[in-house]
C-alpha atoms as a PDB file:
ATOM      1  CA  MET A   1      -8.370  11.402 -15.708  1.00  0.00           C
ATOM      2  CA  LYS A   2      -7.300  10.278 -19.164  1.00  0.00           C
ATOM      3  CA  TYR A   3      -8.707   6.744 -18.844  1.00  0.00           C
ATOM      4  CA  GLN A   4     -12.370   5.946 -19.338  1.00  0.00           C
ATOM      5  CA  ARG A   5     -12.829   2.581 -17.611  1.00  0.00           C
ATOM      6  CA  CYS A   6     -10.491   0.910 -15.152  1.00  0.00           C
ATOM      7  CA  LEU A   7     -10.569  -2.743 -14.114  1.00  0.00           C
ATOM      8  CA  VAL A   8      -9.612  -3.238 -10.465  1.00  0.00           C
ATOM      9  CA  LEU A   9      -8.618  -6.818  -9.762  1.00  0.00           C
ATOM     10  CA  GLY A  10      -9.342  -7.389  -6.093  1.00  0.00           C
ATOM     11  CA  GLY A  11     -11.575  -4.345  -5.757  1.00  0.00           C
ATOM     12  CA  ARG A  12     -13.483  -5.767  -2.788  1.00  0.00           C
ATOM     13  CA  GLY A  13     -10.353  -5.954  -0.654  1.00  0.00           C
ATOM     14  CA  PHE A  14      -8.772  -3.527   1.771  1.00  0.00           C
ATOM     15  CA  ILE A  15      -6.666  -1.616  -0.748  1.00  0.00           C
ATOM     16  CA  GLY A  16      -8.936  -2.299  -3.697  1.00  0.00           C
ATOM     17  CA  SER A  17     -12.085  -0.842  -2.169  1.00  0.00           C
ATOM     18  CA  HIS A  18     -10.257   2.423  -1.475  1.00  0.00           C
ATOM     19  CA  VAL A  19      -8.867   2.484  -5.030  1.00  0.00           C
ATOM     20  CA  VAL A  20     -12.395   1.978  -6.372  1.00  0.00           C
ATOM     21  CA  ASP A  21     -13.675   4.900  -4.290  1.00  0.00           C
ATOM     22  CA  ALA A  22     -10.838   7.165  -5.473  1.00  0.00           C
ATOM     23  CA  LEU A  23     -11.393   6.364  -9.149  1.00  0.00           C
ATOM     24  CA  LEU A  24     -15.160   6.776  -8.903  1.00  0.00           C
ATOM     25  CA  SER A  25     -14.664  10.129  -7.170  1.00  0.00           C
ATOM     26  CA  ALA A  26     -12.478  11.161 -10.117  1.00  0.00           C
ATOM     27  CA  GLY A  27     -15.303  10.315 -12.513  1.00  0.00           C
ATOM     28  CA  VAL A  28     -13.691   7.140 -13.898  1.00  0.00           C
ATOM     29  CA  ALA A  29     -15.928   4.177 -14.681  1.00  0.00           C
ATOM     30  CA  VAL A  30     -14.755   1.187 -12.640  1.00  0.00           C
ATOM     31  CA  ARG A  31     -15.225  -2.527 -13.124  1.00  0.00           C
ATOM     32  CA  VAL A  32     -14.276  -4.865 -10.282  1.00  0.00           C
ATOM     33  CA  LEU A  33     -13.344  -8.515 -10.703  1.00  0.00           C
ATOM     34  CA  ASP A  34     -13.167 -10.384  -7.421  1.00  0.00           C
ATOM     35  CA  ARG A  35     -14.380 -13.528  -5.757  1.00  0.00           C
ATOM     36  CA  PRO A  36     -17.881 -13.400  -4.247  1.00  0.00           C
ATOM     37  CA  LEU A  37     -18.041 -12.112  -0.706  1.00  0.00           C
ATOM     38  CA  PRO A  38     -18.364 -14.833   1.941  1.00  0.00           C
ATOM     39  CA  GLY A  39     -21.671 -15.088   3.759  1.00  0.00           C
ATOM     40  CA  GLY A  40     -22.268 -12.446   6.383  1.00  0.00           C
ATOM     41  CA  VAL A  41     -19.832  -9.929   4.911  1.00  0.00           C
ATOM     42  CA  ARG A  42     -21.464  -6.829   3.463  1.00  0.00           C
ATOM     43  CA  GLU A  43     -20.609  -5.129   0.182  1.00  0.00           C
ATOM     44  CA  LEU A  44     -19.106  -1.689   0.760  1.00  0.00           C
ATOM     45  CA  PRO A  45     -21.162   0.948  -1.084  1.00  0.00           C
ATOM     46  CA  PRO A  46     -19.133   3.396  -3.173  1.00  0.00           C
ATOM     47  CA  ALA A  47     -18.773   6.878  -1.750  1.00  0.00           C
ATOM     48  CA  ALA A  48     -19.449   8.587  -5.081  1.00  0.00           C
ATOM     49  CA  ASN A  49     -20.868   7.923  -8.550  1.00  0.00           C
ATOM     50  CA  PRO A  50     -22.287   4.417  -7.931  1.00  0.00           C
ATOM     51  CA  HIS A  51     -23.695   4.438 -11.463  1.00  0.00           C
ATOM     52  CA  LEU A  52     -20.115   4.187 -12.752  1.00  0.00           C
ATOM     53  CA  LEU A  53     -19.409   0.962 -10.841  1.00  0.00           C
ATOM     54  CA  GLU A  54     -19.792  -2.577 -12.191  1.00  0.00           C
ATOM     55  CA  MET A  55     -19.099  -5.639 -10.014  1.00  0.00           C
ATOM     56  CA  ILE A  56     -18.194  -9.014 -11.515  1.00  0.00           C
ATOM     57  CA  ASP A  57     -17.926 -12.174  -9.436  1.00  0.00           C
ATOM     58  CA  GLY A  58     -15.185 -14.329 -10.879  1.00  0.00           C
ATOM     59  CA  ASP A  59     -11.761 -15.896 -10.608  1.00  0.00           C
ATOM     60  CA  PHE A  60      -8.633 -13.998 -11.604  1.00  0.00           C
ATOM     61  CA  GLY A  61      -7.129 -17.343 -12.682  1.00  0.00           C
ATOM     62  CA  ASN A  62      -9.989 -18.086 -15.101  1.00  0.00           C
ATOM     63  CA  GLU A  63      -9.197 -16.842 -18.623  1.00  0.00           C
ATOM     64  CA  LYS A  64     -12.855 -16.450 -19.566  1.00  0.00           C
ATOM     65  CA  ASP A  65     -13.607 -14.369 -16.454  1.00  0.00           C
ATOM     66  CA  LEU A  66     -10.541 -12.233 -17.101  1.00  0.00           C
ATOM     67  CA  ASP A  67     -11.398 -11.598 -20.750  1.00  0.00           C
ATOM     68  CA  GLU A  68     -14.951 -10.643 -19.808  1.00  0.00           C
ATOM     69  CA  ALA A  69     -13.695  -8.243 -17.157  1.00  0.00           C
ATOM     70  CA  LEU A  70     -11.117  -6.589 -19.440  1.00  0.00           C
ATOM     71  CA  GLU A  71     -13.518  -6.024 -22.336  1.00  0.00           C
ATOM     72  CA  GLY A  72     -13.967  -2.286 -22.873  1.00  0.00           C
ATOM     73  CA  CYS A  73     -11.377  -1.239 -20.282  1.00  0.00           C
ATOM     74  CA  ASP A  74      -8.303   0.864 -21.001  1.00  0.00           C
ATOM     75  CA  CYS A  75      -6.666   0.659 -17.569  1.00  0.00           C
ATOM     76  CA  CYS A  76      -6.091  -2.122 -15.029  1.00  0.00           C
ATOM     77  CA  VAL A  77      -4.936  -2.227 -11.392  1.00  0.00           C
ATOM     78  CA  HIS A  78      -3.818  -5.646 -10.123  1.00  0.00           C
ATOM     79  CA  LEU A  79      -4.202  -6.149  -6.363  1.00  0.00           C
ATOM     80  CA  ILE A  80      -4.867  -9.902  -6.119  1.00  0.00           C
ATOM     81  CA  THR A  81      -2.518 -12.312  -4.383  1.00  0.00           C
ATOM     82  CA  SER A  82      -3.153 -15.827  -3.130  1.00  0.00           C
ATOM     83  CA  THR A  83      -0.346 -16.076  -0.554  1.00  0.00           C
ATOM     84  CA  LEU A  84       1.273 -14.086   2.256  1.00  0.00           C
ATOM     85  CA  PRO A  85       4.986 -13.403   2.751  1.00  0.00           C
ATOM     86  CA  GLN A  86       5.147 -15.458   5.944  1.00  0.00           C
ATOM     87  CA  THR A  87       3.365 -18.504   4.461  1.00  0.00           C
ATOM     88  CA  SER A  88       4.539 -18.505   0.835  1.00  0.00           C
ATOM     89  CA  ASN A  89       7.613 -20.639   1.595  1.00  0.00           C
ATOM     90  CA  ASP A  90       5.342 -23.418   2.887  1.00  0.00           C
ATOM     91  CA  ASP A  91       4.200 -24.225  -0.659  1.00  0.00           C
ATOM     92  CA  MET A  92       6.359 -22.453  -3.229  1.00  0.00           C
ATOM     93  CA  THR A  93       4.851 -24.378  -6.140  1.00  0.00           C
ATOM     94  CA  PHE A  94       1.401 -23.057  -5.236  1.00  0.00           C
ATOM     95  CA  ASP A  95       2.800 -19.534  -4.890  1.00  0.00           C
ATOM     96  CA  ILE A  96       4.402 -19.717  -8.326  1.00  0.00           C
ATOM     97  CA  SER A  97       1.433 -21.325 -10.077  1.00  0.00           C
ATOM     98  CA  THR A  98      -1.193 -18.957  -8.681  1.00  0.00           C
ATOM     99  CA  ASN A  99       0.664 -15.668  -8.421  1.00  0.00           C
ATOM    100  CA  LEU A 100       3.411 -15.720 -11.047  1.00  0.00           C
ATOM    101  CA  ILE A 101       1.799 -17.933 -13.690  1.00  0.00           C
ATOM    102  CA  GLY A 102      -1.506 -16.210 -13.027  1.00  0.00           C
ATOM    103  CA  SER A 103       0.125 -12.811 -13.530  1.00  0.00           C
ATOM    104  CA  LEU A 104       1.727 -13.936 -16.794  1.00  0.00           C
ATOM    105  CA  SER A 105      -1.685 -15.034 -18.065  1.00  0.00           C
ATOM    106  CA  LEU A 106      -2.977 -11.605 -17.069  1.00  0.00           C
ATOM    107  CA  PHE A 107      -0.160  -9.873 -18.981  1.00  0.00           C
ATOM    108  CA  GLU A 108      -1.119 -11.823 -22.110  1.00  0.00           C
ATOM    109  CA  ALA A 109      -4.731 -10.744 -21.662  1.00  0.00           C
ATOM    110  CA  LEU A 110      -3.698  -7.109 -21.197  1.00  0.00           C
ATOM    111  CA  VAL A 111      -1.935  -7.227 -24.559  1.00  0.00           C
ATOM    112  CA  ARG A 112      -4.922  -8.905 -26.250  1.00  0.00           C
ATOM    113  CA  HIS A 113      -7.272  -6.220 -24.971  1.00  0.00           C
ATOM    114  CA  ARG A 114      -4.870  -3.370 -25.750  1.00  0.00           C
ATOM    115  CA  ILE A 115      -4.884  -2.052 -22.193  1.00  0.00           C
ATOM    116  CA  ARG A 116      -3.228   1.368 -22.172  1.00  0.00           C
ATOM    117  CA  LYS A 117      -2.074   1.440 -18.530  1.00  0.00           C
ATOM    118  CA  PHE A 118      -1.373  -1.290 -16.010  1.00  0.00           C
ATOM    119  CA  ILE A 119      -0.545  -0.901 -12.308  1.00  0.00           C
ATOM    120  CA  PHE A 120       1.087  -3.879 -10.597  1.00  0.00           C
ATOM    121  CA  MET A 121       1.187  -4.003  -6.809  1.00  0.00           C
ATOM    122  CA  SER A 122       4.622  -5.295  -5.888  1.00  0.00           C
ATOM    123  CA  SER A 123       6.130  -5.521  -2.405  1.00  0.00           C
ATOM    124  CA  GLY A 124       8.643  -3.096  -0.935  1.00  0.00           C
ATOM    125  CA  GLY A 125       8.708  -5.203   2.194  1.00  0.00           C
ATOM    126  CA  THR A 126       9.890  -8.433   0.547  1.00  0.00           C
ATOM    127  CA  VAL A 127      11.673  -7.912  -2.792  1.00  0.00           C
ATOM    128  CA  TYR A 128      14.826  -6.405  -1.242  1.00  0.00           C
ATOM    129  CA  GLY A 129      15.611  -8.980   1.453  1.00  0.00           C
ATOM    130  CA  ARG A 130      18.137  -7.974   4.106  1.00  0.00           C
ATOM    131  CA  PRO A 131      18.844  -4.257   3.673  1.00  0.00           C
ATOM    132  CA  ILE A 132      22.287  -2.765   3.287  1.00  0.00           C
ATOM    133  CA  GLN A 133      20.904   0.797   3.444  1.00  0.00           C
ATOM    134  CA  ASP A 134      19.090   2.593   6.243  1.00  0.00           C
ATOM    135  CA  ARG A 135      16.414   3.727   3.755  1.00  0.00           C
ATOM    136  CA  ILE A 136      16.059   1.379   0.795  1.00  0.00           C
ATOM    137  CA  ASP A 137      15.848   2.946  -2.656  1.00  0.00           C
ATOM    138  CA  GLU A 138      14.811   1.241  -5.897  1.00  0.00           C
ATOM    139  CA  THR A 139      18.435   0.505  -6.892  1.00  0.00           C
ATOM    140  CA  HIS A 140      19.021  -1.581  -3.741  1.00  0.00           C
ATOM    141  CA  PRO A 141      19.962  -5.252  -4.410  1.00  0.00           C
ATOM    142  CA  THR A 142      16.962  -7.573  -4.585  1.00  0.00           C
ATOM    143  CA  ASN A 143      17.464 -10.798  -2.621  1.00  0.00           C
ATOM    144  CA  PRO A 144      14.046 -11.885  -1.324  1.00  0.00           C
ATOM    145  CA  LEU A 145      13.830 -14.270   1.619  1.00  0.00           C
ATOM    146  CA  SER A 146      10.329 -15.490   0.729  1.00  0.00           C
ATOM    147  CA  SER A 147       8.746 -17.018  -2.342  1.00  0.00           C
ATOM    148  CA  TYR A 148       6.238 -14.163  -2.177  1.00  0.00           C
ATOM    149  CA  GLY A 149       9.037 -11.672  -2.771  1.00  0.00           C
ATOM    150  CA  VAL A 150      10.542 -13.789  -5.552  1.00  0.00           C
ATOM    151  CA  THR A 151       7.263 -13.998  -7.482  1.00  0.00           C
ATOM    152  CA  LYS A 152       6.654 -10.257  -7.094  1.00  0.00           C
ATOM    153  CA  LEU A 153      10.139  -9.510  -8.383  1.00  0.00           C
ATOM    154  CA  ALA A 154       9.794 -11.986 -11.248  1.00  0.00           C
ATOM    155  CA  ALA A 155       6.501 -10.365 -12.287  1.00  0.00           C
ATOM    156  CA  GLU A 156       8.261  -6.981 -12.409  1.00  0.00           C
ATOM    157  CA  LYS A 157      10.939  -8.485 -14.678  1.00  0.00           C
ATOM    158  CA  TYR A 158       8.346 -10.005 -16.978  1.00  0.00           C
ATOM    159  CA  LEU A 159       6.568  -6.664 -17.228  1.00  0.00           C
ATOM    160  CA  ALA A 160       9.823  -5.183 -18.544  1.00  0.00           C
ATOM    161  CA  ILE A 161       9.852  -7.912 -21.218  1.00  0.00           C
ATOM    162  CA  TYR A 162       6.217  -7.238 -22.113  1.00  0.00           C
ATOM    163  CA  LYS A 163       6.981  -3.545 -22.487  1.00  0.00           C
ATOM    164  CA  ASN A 164       9.871  -4.347 -24.817  1.00  0.00           C
ATOM    165  CA  LEU A 165       7.957  -6.938 -26.875  1.00  0.00           C
ATOM    166  CA  HIS A 166       4.438  -5.518 -26.864  1.00  0.00           C
ATOM    167  CA  GLY A 167       4.668  -1.934 -25.615  1.00  0.00           C
ATOM    168  CA  LEU A 168       2.678  -2.727 -22.459  1.00  0.00           C
ATOM    169  CA  ASN A 169       2.699   0.460 -20.386  1.00  0.00           C
ATOM    170  CA  SER A 170       3.031  -0.570 -16.742  1.00  0.00           C
ATOM    171  CA  VAL A 171       4.119   0.758 -13.362  1.00  0.00           C
ATOM    172  CA  SER A 172       5.102  -1.501 -10.465  1.00  0.00           C
ATOM    173  CA  LEU A 173       4.562  -0.052  -7.002  1.00  0.00           C
ATOM    174  CA  ARG A 174       6.719  -1.544  -4.263  1.00  0.00           C
ATOM    175  CA  LEU A 175       4.336  -0.904  -1.399  1.00  0.00           C
ATOM    176  CA  SER A 176       5.469  -1.020   2.219  1.00  0.00           C
ATOM    177  CA  ASN A 177       2.933  -1.896   4.962  1.00  0.00           C
ATOM    178  CA  PRO A 178      -0.431  -0.202   4.355  1.00  0.00           C
ATOM    179  CA  TYR A 179      -2.900   0.231   7.199  1.00  0.00           C
ATOM    180  CA  GLY A 180      -6.135   2.042   7.865  1.00  0.00           C
ATOM    181  CA  GLU A 181      -9.888   1.790   7.577  1.00  0.00           C
ATOM    182  CA  ARG A 182     -11.365  -1.477   6.211  1.00  0.00           C
ATOM    183  CA  GLN A 183      -8.274  -3.584   6.880  1.00  0.00           C
ATOM    184  CA  ARG A 184      -9.091  -6.960   8.377  1.00  0.00           C
ATOM    185  CA  ILE A 185      -8.292  -7.182  12.062  1.00  0.00           C
ATOM    186  CA  THR A 186      -8.405 -10.980  12.201  1.00  0.00           C
ATOM    187  CA  GLY A 187      -5.972 -11.678   9.378  1.00  0.00           C
ATOM    188  CA  LYS A 188      -2.364 -12.816   9.421  1.00  0.00           C
ATOM    189  CA  GLN A 189      -1.076  -9.659   7.763  1.00  0.00           C
ATOM    190  CA  GLY A 190      -1.188  -6.008   8.794  1.00  0.00           C
ATOM    191  CA  ALA A 191       0.328  -5.514  12.243  1.00  0.00           C
ATOM    192  CA  ILE A 192      -1.501  -2.278  13.066  1.00  0.00           C
ATOM    193  CA  ALA A 193      -4.948  -3.637  12.198  1.00  0.00           C
ATOM    194  CA  VAL A 194      -4.343  -6.960  13.968  1.00  0.00           C
ATOM    195  CA  PHE A 195      -2.930  -5.217  17.053  1.00  0.00           C
ATOM    196  CA  LEU A 196      -5.881  -2.811  17.179  1.00  0.00           C
ATOM    197  CA  GLY A 197      -8.345  -5.667  16.798  1.00  0.00           C
ATOM    198  CA  ALA A 198      -6.811  -7.484  19.745  1.00  0.00           C
ATOM    199  CA  ALA A 199      -6.657  -4.336  21.873  1.00  0.00           C
ATOM    200  CA  LEU A 200     -10.296  -3.414  21.223  1.00  0.00           C
ATOM    201  CA  ARG A 201     -11.394  -6.965  22.065  1.00  0.00           C
ATOM    202  CA  GLY A 202      -9.388  -6.919  25.289  1.00  0.00           C
ATOM    203  CA  GLN A 203      -7.042  -9.631  24.052  1.00  0.00           C
ATOM    204  CA  GLU A 204      -3.266  -9.961  24.125  1.00  0.00           C
ATOM    205  CA  ILE A 205      -1.257  -8.532  21.261  1.00  0.00           C
ATOM    206  CA  GLU A 206       1.022 -11.249  19.881  1.00  0.00           C
ATOM    207  CA  VAL A 207       4.471 -10.113  18.760  1.00  0.00           C
ATOM    208  CA  TRP A 208       6.871 -12.290  16.773  1.00  0.00           C
ATOM    209  CA  GLY A 209      10.334 -11.700  18.242  1.00  0.00           C
ATOM    210  CA  ASP A 210      11.252  -9.068  20.802  1.00  0.00           C
ATOM    211  CA  GLY A 211       9.375  -6.206  19.157  1.00  0.00           C
ATOM    212  CA  SER A 212      12.470  -4.511  17.763  1.00  0.00           C
ATOM    213  CA  VAL A 213      11.620  -5.299  14.122  1.00  0.00           C
ATOM    214  CA  VAL A 214      11.280  -1.994  12.251  1.00  0.00           C
ATOM    215  CA  ARG A 215       8.885  -1.528   9.347  1.00  0.00           C
ATOM    216  CA  ASP A 216       7.598   1.284   7.156  1.00  0.00           C
ATOM    217  CA  TYR A 217       3.852   1.812   7.696  1.00  0.00           C
ATOM    218  CA  VAL A 218       1.912   3.896   5.163  1.00  0.00           C
ATOM    219  CA  TYR A 219      -1.658   5.092   5.682  1.00  0.00           C
ATOM    220  CA  ILE A 220      -4.153   3.732   3.142  1.00  0.00           C
ATOM    221  CA  GLY A 221      -5.179   7.200   1.941  1.00  0.00           C
ATOM    222  CA  ASP A 222      -1.579   8.010   1.062  1.00  0.00           C
ATOM    223  CA  ALA A 223      -1.074   4.637  -0.642  1.00  0.00           C
ATOM    224  CA  VAL A 224      -4.186   5.081  -2.794  1.00  0.00           C
ATOM    225  CA  ASP A 225      -3.100   8.603  -3.726  1.00  0.00           C
ATOM    226  CA  ALA A 226       0.142   7.060  -5.030  1.00  0.00           C
ATOM    227  CA  ILE A 227      -1.791   4.494  -7.072  1.00  0.00           C
ATOM    228  CA  VAL A 228      -3.921   7.203  -8.687  1.00  0.00           C
ATOM    229  CA  LYS A 229      -0.847   9.291  -9.473  1.00  0.00           C
ATOM    230  CA  ALA A 230       0.839   6.218 -10.977  1.00  0.00           C
ATOM    231  CA  ILE A 231      -2.151   5.692 -13.259  1.00  0.00           C
ATOM    232  CA  GLU A 232      -1.801   9.270 -14.512  1.00  0.00           C
ATOM    233  CA  TYR A 233       2.003   9.057 -14.841  1.00  0.00           C
ATOM    234  CA  ASP A 234       3.410   9.130 -18.384  1.00  0.00           C
ATOM    235  CA  GLY A 235       7.164   9.000 -17.728  1.00  0.00           C
ATOM    236  CA  ASP A 236       9.789   6.308 -18.287  1.00  0.00           C
ATOM    237  CA  GLU A 237      10.248   5.072 -14.712  1.00  0.00           C
ATOM    238  CA  ALA A 238       8.599   1.686 -14.184  1.00  0.00           C
ATOM    239  CA  ILE A 239       9.214   0.982 -10.488  1.00  0.00           C
ATOM    240  CA  PHE A 240       8.454   3.109  -7.435  1.00  0.00           C
ATOM    241  CA  ASN A 241       8.764   2.580  -3.699  1.00  0.00           C
ATOM    242  CA  ILE A 242       5.599   3.629  -1.877  1.00  0.00           C
ATOM    243  CA  GLY A 243       5.824   4.030   1.894  1.00  0.00           C
ATOM    244  CA  SER A 244       6.042   6.601   4.638  1.00  0.00           C
ATOM    245  CA  GLY A 245       9.830   6.805   4.398  1.00  0.00           C
ATOM    246  CA  LYS A 246       9.960   6.382   8.175  1.00  0.00           C
ATOM    247  CA  GLY A 247      10.535   3.341  10.350  1.00  0.00           C
ATOM    248  CA  SER A 248       8.636   2.242  13.450  1.00  0.00           C
ATOM    249  CA  SER A 249       9.334  -0.791  15.618  1.00  0.00           C
ATOM    250  CA  LEU A 250       6.541  -3.072  16.776  1.00  0.00           C
ATOM    251  CA  ILE A 251       7.093  -1.796  20.311  1.00  0.00           C
ATOM    252  CA  GLU A 252       6.615   1.768  19.041  1.00  0.00           C
ATOM    253  CA  ILE A 253       3.416   0.727  17.261  1.00  0.00           C
ATOM    254  CA  ILE A 254       2.065  -0.768  20.483  1.00  0.00           C
ATOM    255  CA  SER A 255       3.045   2.377  22.390  1.00  0.00           C
ATOM    256  CA  GLY A 256       1.189   4.483  19.791  1.00  0.00           C
ATOM    257  CA  ILE A 257      -1.911   2.313  20.188  1.00  0.00           C
ATOM    258  CA  GLU A 258      -1.751   2.646  23.970  1.00  0.00           C
ATOM    259  CA  THR A 259      -1.455   6.421  23.629  1.00  0.00           C
ATOM    260  CA  ALA A 260      -4.435   6.573  21.268  1.00  0.00           C
ATOM    261  CA  LEU A 261      -6.565   4.320  23.499  1.00  0.00           C
ATOM    262  CA  GLN A 262      -5.280   5.993  26.679  1.00  0.00           C
ATOM    263  CA  ARG A 263      -4.710   2.652  28.379  1.00  0.00           C
ATOM    264  CA  PRO A 264      -2.114  -0.131  28.438  1.00  0.00           C
ATOM    265  CA  VAL A 265      -2.617  -3.285  26.372  1.00  0.00           C
ATOM    266  CA  PRO A 266      -1.294  -6.786  27.216  1.00  0.00           C
ATOM    267  CA  VAL A 267       1.471  -8.168  24.982  1.00  0.00           C
ATOM    268  CA  ARG A 268       2.756 -11.720  24.492  1.00  0.00           C
ATOM    269  CA  PHE A 269       6.066 -12.316  22.718  1.00  0.00           C
ATOM    270  CA  ARG A 270       6.553 -15.324  20.470  1.00  0.00           C
ATOM    271  CA  PRO A 271       9.668 -16.739  18.739  1.00  0.00           C
ATOM    272  CA  ALA A 272      11.043 -14.658  15.861  1.00  0.00           C
ATOM    273  CA  ARG A 273      10.425 -15.792  12.264  1.00  0.00           C
ATOM    274  CA  ALA A 274      13.146 -16.410   9.666  1.00  0.00           C
ATOM    275  CA  VAL A 275      11.394 -14.317   6.987  1.00  0.00           C
ATOM    276  CA  ASP A 276      11.355 -11.189   9.170  1.00  0.00           C
ATOM    277  CA  VAL A 277      14.344  -8.963   8.438  1.00  0.00           C
ATOM    278  CA  PRO A 278      15.317  -6.666  11.330  1.00  0.00           C
ATOM    279  CA  ARG A 279      14.592  -3.442   9.447  1.00  0.00           C
ATOM    280  CA  ASN A 280      12.811  -2.396   6.256  1.00  0.00           C
ATOM    281  CA  VAL A 281      12.264   1.319   5.571  1.00  0.00           C
ATOM    282  CA  LEU A 282      11.729   2.640   2.051  1.00  0.00           C
ATOM    283  CA  ASN A 283      13.235   5.676   0.380  1.00  0.00           C
ATOM    284  CA  VAL A 284      10.354   7.304  -1.538  1.00  0.00           C
ATOM    285  CA  ASP A 285      12.283  10.117  -3.215  1.00  0.00           C
ATOM    286  CA  ARG A 286      11.750   8.700  -6.717  1.00  0.00           C
ATOM    287  CA  ALA A 287       7.961   8.796  -6.255  1.00  0.00           C
ATOM    288  CA  ALA A 288       8.212  12.362  -4.969  1.00  0.00           C
ATOM    289  CA  LYS A 289      10.266  13.433  -7.980  1.00  0.00           C
ATOM    290  CA  HIS A 290       8.381  11.679 -10.781  1.00  0.00           C
ATOM    291  CA  LEU A 291       4.856  11.149  -9.438  1.00  0.00           C
ATOM    292  CA  GLY A 292       4.658  14.322  -7.392  1.00  0.00           C
ATOM    293  CA  TRP A 293       3.581  12.109  -4.500  1.00  0.00           C
ATOM    294  CA  HIS A 294       4.329  12.573  -0.809  1.00  0.00           C
ATOM    295  CA  PRO A 295       2.884  10.713   2.190  1.00  0.00           C
ATOM    296  CA  THR A 296       1.017  13.254   4.321  1.00  0.00           C
ATOM    297  CA  THR A 297      -0.506  11.233   7.185  1.00  0.00           C
ATOM    298  CA  SER A 298       1.521  10.734  10.349  1.00  0.00           C
ATOM    299  CA  LEU A 299       1.475   7.384  12.107  1.00  0.00           C
ATOM    300  CA  ALA A 300      -0.355   8.884  15.106  1.00  0.00           C
ATOM    301  CA  ASP A 301      -3.055  10.411  12.887  1.00  0.00           C
ATOM    302  CA  GLY A 302      -3.402   7.221  10.863  1.00  0.00           C
ATOM    303  CA  ILE A 303      -3.837   5.081  13.969  1.00  0.00           C
ATOM    304  CA  ALA A 304      -6.384   7.554  15.364  1.00  0.00           C
ATOM    305  CA  ARG A 305      -8.394   7.482  12.126  1.00  0.00           C
ATOM    306  CA  THR A 306      -8.347   3.690  12.078  1.00  0.00           C
ATOM    307  CA  ILE A 307      -9.554   3.537  15.686  1.00  0.00           C
ATOM    308  CA  ARG A 308     -12.398   5.969  14.929  1.00  0.00           C
ATOM    309  CA  TRP A 309     -13.499   3.792  12.031  1.00  0.00           C
ATOM    310  CA  LEU A 310     -13.374   0.616  14.126  1.00  0.00           C
ATOM    311  CA  GLU A 311     -15.322   2.280  16.936  1.00  0.00           C
ATOM    312  CA  ALA A 312     -17.957   3.423  14.438  1.00  0.00           C
ATOM    313  CA  GLU A 313     -18.227  -0.169  13.209  1.00  0.00           C
ATOM    314  CA  ILE A 314     -18.790  -1.320  16.778  1.00  0.00           C
ATOM    315  CA  GLN A 315     -21.455   1.346  17.367  1.00  0.00           C
ATOM    316  CA  GLN A 316     -23.322   0.133  14.291  1.00  0.00           C
ATOM    317  CA  GLY A 317     -23.392  -3.342  15.813  1.00  0.00           C
ATOM    318  CA  LEU A 318     -21.007  -4.796  13.277  1.00  0.00           C
ATOM    319  CA  SER A 319     -18.675  -7.594  14.241  1.00  0.00           C
ATOM    320  CA  LEU A 320     -14.986  -6.947  14.715  1.00  0.00           C
ATOM    321  CA  HIS A 321     -14.406 -10.434  13.363  1.00  0.00           C
ATOM    322  CA  SER A 322     -15.675  -9.683   9.861  1.00  0.00           C
END
């Protein structure tokens, strides 16, 4: 790759750890800035070239930590967020101050350190709001229903200003719903991981609404491939949808899990949430055309791979609650 050292903000997380592995495998030196791991949670060893990896414990919102992390880097991938779509409306001021203001401080630091390429993880699931197309492309109206979506969209707009004023070379990836190995199964986000965690523990799967909500689920390996291709991209497009391009309802996800596990799982339905639009499926043709990227993992294969990883974790005596 053309970049020598890449800073991954949030490199200990689900997406970030896979990005780190991909960059190290490509021979790129990687520096990670993230908060220290909580007690009892292990550090994931890199799959390749561990000598190229540097870990820094710090706070994305701390200017000193950020400047230290950016020193000597020529590329940056931003994967940190402090809120979730379903909770961001509970405290919009916090969402704005931590995510949007924090991102603006980051953009200033990127300019100071003359970063040559910046990848911003936006949200294909929230920036568009209620869809007026069966498959949403990047020209679709943007009317977010959550503060999370508003701050993601605002950050994209500010990146356009920073490109115009300072020449900051950035790509915003509007990611759908990633899933796969290393995703937390006890979190409040990531339906497939949470559903699998409940099923493997013999617990009920909780569904908000009647299960008809349709989402676009993209396997983590495909999502990371898109991030790497976006880093290498030199064209003029600044925004790309990244998803599978296919929709699956929650009921279909549960059916796929039952097929993979070869047994039924109990389900409990709860009241629908106002932030959940009935359908959100992304059109990924722009990424195919300009990035040369295509999702290659089917939902059935992705679920099977995730189950194999979880079962291996269990066999090693590791807690499903980590």
